[in-house]
PDB file of N, CA and C in Angstrom:
ATOM      1  N   MET A   1      12.425 -11.023  24.542  1.00  0.00           N
ATOM      2  CA  MET A   1      12.350 -12.293  23.868  1.00  0.00           C
ATOM      3  C   MET A   1      13.752 -12.909  23.880  1.00  0.00           C
ATOM      4  N   PHE A   2      13.850 -14.139  24.311  1.00  0.00           N
ATOM      5  CA  PHE A   2      15.145 -14.811  24.355  1.00  0.00           C
ATOM      6  C   PHE A   2      15.195 -16.050  23.474  1.00  0.00           C
ATOM      7  N   ALA A   3      14.041 -16.483  22.977  1.00  0.00           N
ATOM      8  CA  ALA A   3      13.977 -17.629  22.072  1.00  0.00           C
ATOM      9  C   ALA A   3      12.749 -17.464  21.192  1.00  0.00           C
ATOM     10  N   TYR A   4      12.845 -17.988  19.981  1.00  0.00           N
ATOM     11  CA  TYR A   4      11.736 -17.860  19.046  1.00  0.00           C
ATOM     12  C   TYR A   4      11.541 -19.168  18.303  1.00  0.00           C
ATOM     13  N   LEU A   5      10.325 -19.685  18.362  1.00  0.00           N
ATOM     14  CA  LEU A   5       9.946 -20.866  17.589  1.00  0.00           C
ATOM     15  C   LEU A   5       9.270 -20.402  16.315  1.00  0.00           C
ATOM     16  N   GLY A   6       9.726 -20.890  15.193  1.00  0.00           N
ATOM     17  CA  GLY A   6       9.124 -20.513  13.918  1.00  0.00           C
ATOM     18  C   GLY A   6       7.839 -21.272  13.651  1.00  0.00           C
ATOM     19  N   ALA A   7       7.206 -20.953  12.556  1.00  0.00           N
ATOM     20  CA  ALA A   7       5.944 -21.583  12.186  1.00  0.00           C
ATOM     21  C   ALA A   7       6.103 -23.083  11.941  1.00  0.00           C
ATOM     22  N   LYS A   8       7.254 -23.477  11.414  1.00  0.00           N
ATOM     23  CA  LYS A   8       7.493 -24.897  11.150  1.00  0.00           C
ATOM     24  C   LYS A   8       7.861 -25.664  12.406  1.00  0.00           C
ATOM     25  N   ALA A   9       8.331 -24.963  13.437  1.00  0.00           N
ATOM     26  CA  ALA A   9       8.681 -25.542  14.736  1.00  0.00           C
ATOM     27  C   ALA A   9       9.676 -26.698  14.632  1.00  0.00           C
ATOM     28  N   GLU A  10      10.614 -26.600  13.686  1.00  0.00           N
ATOM     29  CA  GLU A  10      11.662 -27.608  13.573  1.00  0.00           C
ATOM     30  C   GLU A  10      12.911 -27.193  14.338  1.00  0.00           C
ATOM     31  N   GLY A  11      12.889 -25.978  14.841  1.00  0.00           N
ATOM     32  CA  GLY A  11      14.040 -25.477  15.570  1.00  0.00           C
ATOM     33  C   GLY A  11      13.661 -24.240  16.359  1.00  0.00           C
ATOM     34  N   VAL A  12      14.651 -23.716  17.045  1.00  0.00           N
ATOM     35  CA  VAL A  12      14.431 -22.524  17.864  1.00  0.00           C
ATOM     36  C   VAL A  12      15.583 -21.557  17.592  1.00  0.00           C
ATOM     37  N   SER A  13      15.235 -20.273  17.483  1.00  0.00           N
ATOM     38  CA  SER A  13      16.248 -19.234  17.324  1.00  0.00           C
ATOM     39  C   SER A  13      16.618 -18.707  18.700  1.00  0.00           C
ATOM     40  N   VAL A  14      17.924 -18.595  18.943  1.00  0.00           N
ATOM     41  CA  VAL A  14      18.419 -18.138  20.246  1.00  0.00           C
ATOM     42  C   VAL A  14      19.553 -17.144  20.037  1.00  0.00           C
ATOM     43  N   LYS A  15      19.783 -16.330  21.050  1.00  0.00           N
ATOM     44  CA  LYS A  15      20.862 -15.338  21.029  1.00  0.00           C
ATOM     45  C   LYS A  15      22.151 -15.992  21.500  1.00  0.00           C
ATOM     46  N   THR A  16      23.248 -15.616  20.855  1.00  0.00           N
ATOM     47  CA  THR A  16      24.569 -16.066  21.280  1.00  0.00           C
ATOM     48  C   THR A  16      25.318 -14.863  21.861  1.00  0.00           C
ATOM     49  N   PRO A  17      26.405 -15.090  22.567  1.00  0.00           N
ATOM     50  CA  PRO A  17      27.131 -13.967  23.175  1.00  0.00           C
ATOM     51  C   PRO A  17      27.676 -12.950  22.169  1.00  0.00           C
ATOM     52  N   SER A  18      27.951 -13.396  20.939  1.00  0.00           N
ATOM     53  CA  SER A  18      28.536 -12.482  19.958  1.00  0.00           C
ATOM     54  C   SER A  18      28.308 -13.006  18.543  1.00  0.00           C
ATOM     55  N   ILE A  19      28.585 -12.128  17.583  1.00  0.00           N
ATOM     56  CA  ILE A  19      28.516 -12.521  16.175  1.00  0.00           C
ATOM     57  C   ILE A  19      29.537 -13.621  15.898  1.00  0.00           C
ATOM     58  N   GLU A  20      30.688 -13.518  16.528  1.00  0.00           N
ATOM     59  CA  GLU A  20      31.738 -14.518  16.333  1.00  0.00           C
ATOM     60  C   GLU A  20      31.304 -15.895  16.834  1.00  0.00           C
ATOM     61  N   ASP A  21      30.638 -15.931  18.003  1.00  0.00           N
ATOM     62  CA  ASP A  21      30.131 -17.205  18.524  1.00  0.00           C
ATOM     63  C   ASP A  21      29.095 -17.795  17.578  1.00  0.00           C
ATOM     64  N   ALA A  22      28.226 -16.943  17.064  1.00  0.00           N
ATOM     65  CA  ALA A  22      27.211 -17.412  16.119  1.00  0.00           C
ATOM     66  C   ALA A  22      27.880 -17.973  14.867  1.00  0.00           C
ATOM     67  N   SER A  23      28.872 -17.265  14.342  1.00  0.00           N
ATOM     68  CA  SER A  23      29.588 -17.729  13.149  1.00  0.00           C
ATOM     69  C   SER A  23      30.259 -19.074  13.390  1.00  0.00           C
ATOM     70  N   LEU A  24      30.851 -19.231  14.562  1.00  0.00           N
ATOM     71  CA  LEU A  24      31.512 -20.495  14.899  1.00  0.00           C
ATOM     72  C   LEU A  24      30.505 -21.648  14.928  1.00  0.00           C
ATOM     73  N   LEU A  25      29.373 -21.433  15.571  1.00  0.00           N
ATOM     74  CA  LEU A  25      28.340 -22.477  15.619  1.00  0.00           C
ATOM     75  C   LEU A  25      27.863 -22.840  14.220  1.00  0.00           C
ATOM     76  N   ILE A  26      27.722 -21.836  13.366  1.00  0.00           N
ATOM     77  CA  ILE A  26      27.288 -22.087  11.989  1.00  0.00           C
ATOM     78  C   ILE A  26      28.359 -22.869  11.236  1.00  0.00           C
ATOM     79  N   GLU A  27      29.617 -22.459  11.365  1.00  0.00           N
ATOM     80  CA  GLU A  27      30.725 -23.163  10.704  1.00  0.00           C
ATOM     81  C   GLU A  27      30.836 -24.608  11.166  1.00  0.00           C
ATOM     82  N   MET A  28      30.573 -24.847  12.450  1.00  0.00           N
ATOM     83  CA  MET A  28      30.663 -26.199  13.008  1.00  0.00           C
ATOM     84  C   MET A  28      29.458 -27.056  12.619  1.00  0.00           C
ATOM     85  N   GLY A  29      28.441 -26.453  12.029  1.00  0.00           N
ATOM     86  CA  GLY A  29      27.247 -27.193  11.648  1.00  0.00           C
ATOM     87  C   GLY A  29      26.295 -27.424  12.811  1.00  0.00           C
ATOM     88  N   ARG A  30      26.482 -26.696  13.903  1.00  0.00           N
ATOM     89  CA  ARG A  30      25.626 -26.858  15.088  1.00  0.00           C
ATOM     90  C   ARG A  30      24.410 -25.952  15.025  1.00  0.00           C
ATOM     91  N   ALA A  31      24.415 -24.989  14.087  1.00  0.00           N
ATOM     92  CA  ALA A  31      23.310 -24.038  13.964  1.00  0.00           C
ATOM     93  C   ALA A  31      23.345 -23.443  12.568  1.00  0.00           C
ATOM     94  N   GLU A  32      22.319 -22.661  12.256  1.00  0.00           N
ATOM     95  CA  GLU A  32      22.294 -21.921  11.004  1.00  0.00           C
ATOM     96  C   GLU A  32      21.890 -20.481  11.304  1.00  0.00           C
ATOM     97  N   ARG A  33      22.093 -19.622  10.369  1.00  0.00           N
ATOM     98  CA  ARG A  33      21.730 -18.213  10.558  1.00  0.00           C
ATOM     99  C   ARG A  33      20.238 -18.118  10.806  1.00  0.00           C
ATOM    100  N   ALA A  34      19.860 -17.371  11.829  1.00  0.00           N
ATOM    101  CA  ALA A  34      18.439 -17.184  12.145  1.00  0.00           C
ATOM    102  C   ALA A  34      17.878 -16.109  11.216  1.00  0.00           C
ATOM    103  N   PRO A  35      16.944 -16.477  10.351  1.00  0.00           N
ATOM    104  CA  PRO A  35      16.400 -15.487   9.424  1.00  0.00           C
ATOM    105  C   PRO A  35      15.702 -14.346  10.169  1.00  0.00           C
ATOM    106  N   TYR A  36      15.878 -13.134   9.657  1.00  0.00           N
ATOM    107  CA  TYR A  36      15.215 -11.926  10.175  1.00  0.00           C
ATOM    108  C   TYR A  36      15.763 -11.444  11.516  1.00  0.00           C
ATOM    109  N   PHE A  37      16.795 -12.070  12.047  1.00  0.00           N
ATOM    110  CA  PHE A  37      17.372 -11.672  13.324  1.00  0.00           C
ATOM    111  C   PHE A  37      18.770 -11.094  13.114  1.00  0.00           C
ATOM    112  N   HIS A  38      19.267 -10.419  14.140  1.00  0.00           N
ATOM    113  CA  HIS A  38      20.641  -9.921  14.152  1.00  0.00           C
ATOM    114  C   HIS A  38      21.588 -11.097  13.971  1.00  0.00           C
ATOM    115  N   ARG A  39      22.785 -10.826  13.497  1.00  0.00           N
ATOM    116  CA  ARG A  39      23.746 -11.910  13.223  1.00  0.00           C
ATOM    117  C   ARG A  39      24.221 -12.645  14.465  1.00  0.00           C
ATOM    118  N   SER A  40      23.927 -12.133  15.651  1.00  0.00           N
ATOM    119  CA  SER A  40      24.308 -12.832  16.878  1.00  0.00           C
ATOM    120  C   SER A  40      23.266 -13.885  17.270  1.00  0.00           C
ATOM    121  N   TRP A  41      22.201 -14.000  16.488  1.00  0.00           N
ATOM    122  CA  TRP A  41      21.181 -15.015  16.714  1.00  0.00           C
ATOM    123  C   TRP A  41      21.397 -16.172  15.750  1.00  0.00           C
ATOM    124  N   VAL A  42      21.151 -17.391  16.232  1.00  0.00           N
ATOM    125  CA  VAL A  42      21.232 -18.586  15.385  1.00  0.00           C
ATOM    126  C   VAL A  42      19.967 -19.417  15.560  1.00  0.00           C
ATOM    127  N   ARG A  43      19.731 -20.256  14.585  1.00  0.00           N
ATOM    128  CA  ARG A  43      18.613 -21.204  14.673  1.00  0.00           C
ATOM    129  C   ARG A  43      19.204 -22.586  14.846  1.00  0.00           C
ATOM    130  N   VAL A  44      18.780 -23.270  15.911  1.00  0.00           N
ATOM    131  CA  VAL A  44      19.234 -24.643  16.147  1.00  0.00           C
ATOM    132  C   VAL A  44      18.080 -25.591  15.857  1.00  0.00           C
ATOM    133  N   ASP A  45      18.395 -26.635  15.141  1.00  0.00           N
ATOM    134  CA  ASP A  45      17.399 -27.625  14.743  1.00  0.00           C
ATOM    135  C   ASP A  45      17.269 -28.664  15.850  1.00  0.00           C
ATOM    136  N   PHE A  46      16.053 -28.899  16.297  1.00  0.00           N
ATOM    137  CA  PHE A  46      15.806 -29.878  17.368  1.00  0.00           C
ATOM    138  C   PHE A  46      16.363 -31.251  17.028  1.00  0.00           C
ATOM    139  N   ARG A  47      16.357 -31.596  15.762  1.00  0.00           N
ATOM    140  CA  ARG A  47      16.758 -32.943  15.343  1.00  0.00           C
ATOM    141  C   ARG A  47      18.267 -33.103  15.242  1.00  0.00           C
ATOM    142  N   MET A  48      19.013 -31.983  15.288  1.00  0.00           N
ATOM    143  CA  MET A  48      20.447 -32.034  15.030  1.00  0.00           C
ATOM    144  C   MET A  48      21.309 -31.942  16.284  1.00  0.00           C
ATOM    145  N   ILE A  49      20.710 -31.606  17.434  1.00  0.00           N
ATOM    146  CA  ILE A  49      21.503 -31.453  18.657  1.00  0.00           C
ATOM    147  C   ILE A  49      20.861 -32.236  19.795  1.00  0.00           C
ATOM    148  N   SER A  50      21.649 -32.470  20.812  1.00  0.00           N
ATOM    149  CA  SER A  50      21.144 -33.216  21.968  1.00  0.00           C
ATOM    150  C   SER A  50      20.245 -32.327  22.818  1.00  0.00           C
ATOM    151  N   GLU A  51      19.469 -32.945  23.662  1.00  0.00           N
ATOM    152  CA  GLU A  51      18.597 -32.209  24.579  1.00  0.00           C
ATOM    153  C   GLU A  51      19.419 -31.315  25.510  1.00  0.00           C
ATOM    154  N   ASP A  52      20.563 -31.820  25.971  1.00  0.00           N
ATOM    155  CA  ASP A  52      21.427 -31.031  26.858  1.00  0.00           C
ATOM    156  C   ASP A  52      21.970 -29.786  26.156  1.00  0.00           C
ATOM    157  N   GLU A  53      22.393 -29.945  24.909  1.00  0.00           N
ATOM    158  CA  GLU A  53      22.902 -28.792  24.170  1.00  0.00           C
ATOM    159  C   GLU A  53      21.786 -27.783  23.904  1.00  0.00           C
ATOM    160  N   LEU A  54      20.612 -28.269  23.571  1.00  0.00           N
ATOM    161  CA  LEU A  54      19.466 -27.384  23.355  1.00  0.00           C
ATOM    162  C   LEU A  54      19.145 -26.599  24.622  1.00  0.00           C
ATOM    163  N   ARG A  55      19.119 -27.287  25.747  1.00  0.00           N
ATOM    164  CA  ARG A  55      18.861 -26.632  27.035  1.00  0.00           C
ATOM    165  C   ARG A  55      19.913 -25.562  27.303  1.00  0.00           C
ATOM    166  N   ASP A  56      21.173 -25.889  27.056  1.00  0.00           N
ATOM    167  CA  ASP A  56      22.255 -24.939  27.274  1.00  0.00           C
ATOM    168  C   ASP A  56      22.104 -23.710  26.370  1.00  0.00           C
ATOM    169  N   ARG A  57      21.777 -23.905  25.117  1.00  0.00           N
ATOM    170  CA  ARG A  57      21.601 -22.778  24.186  1.00  0.00           C
ATOM    171  C   ARG A  57      20.461 -21.864  24.639  1.00  0.00           C
ATOM    172  N   ILE A  58      19.346 -22.443  25.090  1.00  0.00           N
ATOM    173  CA  ILE A  58      18.209 -21.643  25.534  1.00  0.00           C
ATOM    174  C   ILE A  58      18.547 -20.907  26.828  1.00  0.00           C
ATOM    175  N   GLU A  59      19.193 -21.584  27.777  1.00  0.00           N
ATOM    176  CA  GLU A  59      19.567 -20.934  29.039  1.00  0.00           C
ATOM    177  C   GLU A  59      20.586 -19.815  28.805  1.00  0.00           C
ATOM    178  N   THR A  60      21.529 -20.022  27.908  1.00  0.00           N
ATOM    179  CA  THR A  60      22.510 -18.989  27.588  1.00  0.00           C
ATOM    180  C   THR A  60      21.819 -17.780  26.974  1.00  0.00           C
ATOM    181  N   SER A  61      20.907 -18.017  26.054  1.00  0.00           N
ATOM    182  CA  SER A  61      20.166 -16.932  25.432  1.00  0.00           C
ATOM    183  C   SER A  61      19.374 -16.146  26.477  1.00  0.00           C
ATOM    184  N   TYR A  62      18.728 -16.865  27.369  1.00  0.00           N
ATOM    185  CA  TYR A  62      17.961 -16.212  28.430  1.00  0.00           C
ATOM    186  C   TYR A  62      18.875 -15.337  29.298  1.00  0.00           C
ATOM    187  N   ALA A  63      20.018 -15.864  29.672  1.00  0.00           N
ATOM    188  CA  ALA A  63      20.945 -15.114  30.525  1.00  0.00           C
ATOM    189  C   ALA A  63      21.437 -13.846  29.822  1.00  0.00           C
ATOM    190  N   ILE A  64      21.732 -13.927  28.536  1.00  0.00           N
ATOM    191  CA  ILE A  64      22.192 -12.769  27.777  1.00  0.00           C
ATOM    192  C   ILE A  64      21.115 -11.690  27.750  1.00  0.00           C
ATOM    193  N   ILE A  65      19.908 -12.087  27.424  1.00  0.00           N
ATOM    194  CA  ILE A  65      18.809 -11.122  27.344  1.00  0.00           C
ATOM    195  C   ILE A  65      18.493 -10.571  28.729  1.00  0.00           C
ATOM    196  N   ARG A  66      18.473 -11.424  29.713  1.00  0.00           N
ATOM    197  CA  ARG A  66      18.147 -10.986  31.078  1.00  0.00           C
ATOM    198  C   ARG A  66      19.129  -9.927  31.575  1.00  0.00           C
ATOM    199  N   THR A  67      20.412 -10.126  31.336  1.00  0.00           N
ATOM    200  CA  THR A  67      21.399  -9.157  31.818  1.00  0.00           C
ATOM    201  C   THR A  67      21.307  -7.825  31.087  1.00  0.00           C
ATOM    202  N   SER A  68      20.657  -7.790  29.937  1.00  0.00           N
ATOM    203  CA  SER A  68      20.504  -6.525  29.214  1.00  0.00           C
ATOM    204  C   SER A  68      19.319  -5.705  29.735  1.00  0.00           C
ATOM    205  N   LEU A  69      18.502  -6.307  30.588  1.00  0.00           N
ATOM    206  CA  LEU A  69      17.363  -5.603  31.169  1.00  0.00           C
ATOM    207  C   LEU A  69      17.810  -4.731  32.335  1.00  0.00           C
ATOM    208  N   THR A  70      16.995  -3.766  32.688  1.00  0.00           N
ATOM    209  CA  THR A  70      17.324  -2.920  33.839  1.00  0.00           C
ATOM    210  C   THR A  70      17.277  -3.764  35.109  1.00  0.00           C
ATOM    211  N   LYS A  71      17.992  -3.318  36.130  1.00  0.00           N
ATOM    212  CA  LYS A  71      18.010  -4.032  37.415  1.00  0.00           C
ATOM    213  C   LYS A  71      16.597  -4.123  38.000  1.00  0.00           C
ATOM    214  N   LYS A  72      15.802  -3.094  37.799  1.00  0.00           N
ATOM    215  CA  LYS A  72      14.433  -3.078  38.317  1.00  0.00           C
ATOM    216  C   LYS A  72      13.590  -4.193  37.678  1.00  0.00           C
ATOM    217  N   ILE A  73      13.708  -4.339  36.387  1.00  0.00           N
ATOM    218  CA  ILE A  73      12.964  -5.404  35.695  1.00  0.00           C
ATOM    219  C   ILE A  73      13.516  -6.768  36.073  1.00  0.00           C
ATOM    220  N   GLN A  74      14.842  -6.872  36.168  1.00  0.00           N
ATOM    221  CA  GLN A  74      15.458  -8.157  36.561  1.00  0.00           C
ATOM    222  C   GLN A  74      14.945  -8.601  37.940  1.00  0.00           C
ATOM    223  N   ALA A  75      14.758  -7.663  38.843  1.00  0.00           N
ATOM    224  CA  ALA A  75      14.290  -7.982  40.198  1.00  0.00           C
ATOM    225  C   ALA A  75      12.892  -8.592  40.179  1.00  0.00           C
ATOM    226  N   THR A  76      12.080  -8.244  39.216  1.00  0.00           N
ATOM    227  CA  THR A  76      10.725  -8.801  39.128  1.00  0.00           C
ATOM    228  C   THR A  76      10.702 -10.220  38.595  1.00  0.00           C
ATOM    229  N   LEU A  77      11.833 -10.676  38.043  1.00  0.00           N
ATOM    230  CA  LEU A  77      11.882 -11.998  37.419  1.00  0.00           C
ATOM    231  C   LEU A  77      12.234 -13.117  38.377  1.00  0.00           C
ATOM    232  N   GLY A  78      12.669 -12.775  39.588  1.00  0.00           N
ATOM    233  CA  GLY A  78      13.065 -13.808  40.536  1.00  0.00           C
ATOM    234  C   GLY A  78      14.491 -14.229  40.286  1.00  0.00           C
ATOM    235  N   SER A  79      14.918 -15.260  40.992  1.00  0.00           N
ATOM    236  CA  SER A  79      16.317 -15.694  40.891  1.00  0.00           C
ATOM    237  C   SER A  79      16.555 -16.475  39.604  1.00  0.00           C
ATOM    238  N   PHE A  80      17.811 -16.470  39.183  1.00  0.00           N
ATOM    239  CA  PHE A  80      18.203 -17.226  38.002  1.00  0.00           C
ATOM    240  C   PHE A  80      19.507 -17.929  38.297  1.00  0.00           C
ATOM    241  N   PRO A  81      19.666 -19.163  37.999  1.00  0.00           N
ATOM    242  CA  PRO A  81      18.646 -19.998  37.374  1.00  0.00           C
ATOM    243  C   PRO A  81      17.581 -20.420  38.380  1.00  0.00           C
ATOM    244  N   ALA A  82      16.395 -20.594  37.851  1.00  0.00           N
ATOM    245  CA  ALA A  82      15.238 -20.918  38.699  1.00  0.00           C
ATOM    246  C   ALA A  82      15.166 -22.386  39.014  1.00  0.00           C
TER     247      ALA A  82
END
């Protein structure tokens, strides 16, 4: 899982490269702590960021999760970015 939409669907939770990156985004007001997730995850509100920033956050989260998978599983996913 690299992104999670909550029941309210006002935002999406995504993984950041580190706890420090997540803290910085929260301090800057670009995200908030993602409830029930590790501290390296943040929740970004669709209404508070641009479409480009949202796309970047989701793609970054995908890349982080993808690189944590085994090479065998990564090979089944095709090229990235697609």
